[in-house]
Amino acid sequence: MSKTLGQVAYEAYCAADPAMQSSVTGELLPLWEQADPGIKKRWEAAGNAAVVADQMSRSQENKSP
């Protein structure tokens, strides 16, 4: 099964801290499969926004003379 953009983004965030602790609360971060559905929804939105931003950036690069 392939990973969603949200899962990829979340797992990259977790991998940035080998202790897998929240930078806000210091609590251990759950694995993607165990994360709250609301958290997953927000990470999906962030992953999708990153793709849109990348596409916009690439589009602007292609328009430059």
C-alpha atoms as a PDB file:
ATOM      1  CA  MET A   1       0.000   0.000   0.000  1.00  0.00           C
ATOM      2  CA  SER A   2       1.355   3.432  -0.882  1.00  0.00           C
ATOM      3  CA  LYS A   3       1.673   6.246   1.607  1.00  0.00           C
ATOM      4  CA  THR A   4      -0.396   9.417   1.451  1.00  0.00           C
ATOM      5  CA  LEU A   5       1.200  12.861   1.291  1.00  0.00           C
ATOM      6  CA  GLY A   6       0.135  13.455   4.880  1.00  0.00           C
ATOM      7  CA  GLN A   7       1.793  10.271   6.072  1.00  0.00           C
ATOM      8  CA  VAL A   8       5.018  11.097   4.234  1.00  0.00           C
ATOM      9  CA  ALA A   9       5.062  14.604   5.752  1.00  0.00           C
ATOM     10  CA  TYR A  10       4.246  13.329   9.261  1.00  0.00           C
ATOM     11  CA  GLU A  11       6.883  10.625   9.132  1.00  0.00           C
ATOM     12  CA  ALA A  12       9.469  13.151   7.928  1.00  0.00           C
ATOM     13  CA  TYR A  13       8.543  15.393  10.870  1.00  0.00           C
ATOM     14  CA  CYS A  14       8.938  12.465  13.251  1.00  0.00           C
ATOM     15  CA  ALA A  15      12.249  11.427  11.685  1.00  0.00           C
ATOM     16  CA  ALA A  16      13.678  14.893  12.268  1.00  0.00           C
ATOM     17  CA  ASP A  17      13.780  14.022  15.988  1.00  0.00           C
ATOM     18  CA  PRO A  18      15.048  10.489  16.661  1.00  0.00           C
ATOM     19  CA  ALA A  19      13.336  10.597  20.064  1.00  0.00           C
ATOM     20  CA  MET A  20      10.015  11.178  18.225  1.00  0.00           C
ATOM     21  CA  GLN A  21       8.935  13.879  20.654  1.00  0.00           C
ATOM     22  CA  SER A  22       6.534  16.694  19.884  1.00  0.00           C
ATOM     23  CA  SER A  23       8.329  20.009  19.577  1.00  0.00           C
ATOM     24  CA  VAL A  24       5.309  21.616  21.244  1.00  0.00           C
ATOM     25  CA  THR A  25       4.487  19.332  24.167  1.00  0.00           C
ATOM     26  CA  GLY A  26       7.530  17.092  24.435  1.00  0.00           C
ATOM     27  CA  GLU A  27       5.258  14.042  24.412  1.00  0.00           C
ATOM     28  CA  LEU A  28       6.114  11.001  22.351  1.00  0.00           C
ATOM     29  CA  LEU A  29       4.609  11.116  18.875  1.00  0.00           C
ATOM     30  CA  PRO A  30       2.464   8.156  17.856  1.00  0.00           C
ATOM     31  CA  LEU A  31       3.147   6.153  14.750  1.00  0.00           C
ATOM     32  CA  TRP A  32       1.012   7.254  11.791  1.00  0.00           C
ATOM     33  CA  GLU A  33      -1.252   4.240  12.165  1.00  0.00           C
ATOM     34  CA  GLN A  34      -1.958   5.165  15.799  1.00  0.00           C
ATOM     35  CA  ALA A  35      -2.388   8.915  15.288  1.00  0.00           C
ATOM     36  CA  ASP A  36      -5.703  10.599  15.981  1.00  0.00           C
ATOM     37  CA  PRO A  37      -7.861  10.996  12.842  1.00  0.00           C
ATOM     38  CA  GLY A  38      -7.963  14.770  13.344  1.00  0.00           C
ATOM     39  CA  ILE A  39      -4.176  14.939  13.362  1.00  0.00           C
ATOM     40  CA  LYS A  40      -4.022  12.813  10.219  1.00  0.00           C
ATOM     41  CA  LYS A  41      -6.496  15.152   8.506  1.00  0.00           C
ATOM     42  CA  ARG A  42      -4.315  18.181   9.288  1.00  0.00           C
ATOM     43  CA  TRP A  43      -1.155  16.428   8.072  1.00  0.00           C
ATOM     44  CA  GLU A  44      -2.968  15.505   4.844  1.00  0.00           C
ATOM     45  CA  ALA A  45      -3.844  19.167   4.361  1.00  0.00           C
ATOM     46  CA  ALA A  46      -0.210  20.154   4.969  1.00  0.00           C
ATOM     47  CA  GLY A  47       1.079  17.519   2.549  1.00  0.00           C
ATOM     48  CA  ASN A  48      -1.344  18.640  -0.143  1.00  0.00           C
ATOM     49  CA  ALA A  49      -0.451  22.296   0.407  1.00  0.00           C
ATOM     50  CA  ALA A  50       3.240  21.486  -0.001  1.00  0.00           C
ATOM     51  CA  VAL A  51       2.548  19.901  -3.387  1.00  0.00           C
ATOM     52  CA  VAL A  52       0.509  22.915  -4.509  1.00  0.00           C
ATOM     53  CA  ALA A  53       3.271  25.287  -3.393  1.00  0.00           C
ATOM     54  CA  ASP A  54       5.850  23.233  -5.292  1.00  0.00           C
ATOM     55  CA  GLN A  55       3.717  23.258  -8.437  1.00  0.00           C
ATOM     56  CA  MET A  56       3.235  27.028  -8.174  1.00  0.00           C
ATOM     57  CA  SER A  57       6.975  27.530  -7.738  1.00  0.00           C
ATOM     58  CA  ARG A  58       7.753  25.361 -10.759  1.00  0.00           C
ATOM     59  CA  SER A  59       5.171  27.205 -12.818  1.00  0.00           C
ATOM     60  CA  GLN A  60       6.778  30.537 -11.964  1.00  0.00           C
ATOM     61  CA  GLU A  61      10.230  29.185 -12.870  1.00  0.00           C
ATOM     62  CA  ASN A  62       8.928  28.112 -16.275  1.00  0.00           C
ATOM     63  CA  LYS A  63       7.557  31.611 -16.964  1.00  0.00           C
ATOM     64  CA  SER A  64      10.861  33.348 -16.258  1.00  0.00           C
ATOM     65  CA  PRO A  65      12.701  34.509 -19.391  1.00  0.00           C
END
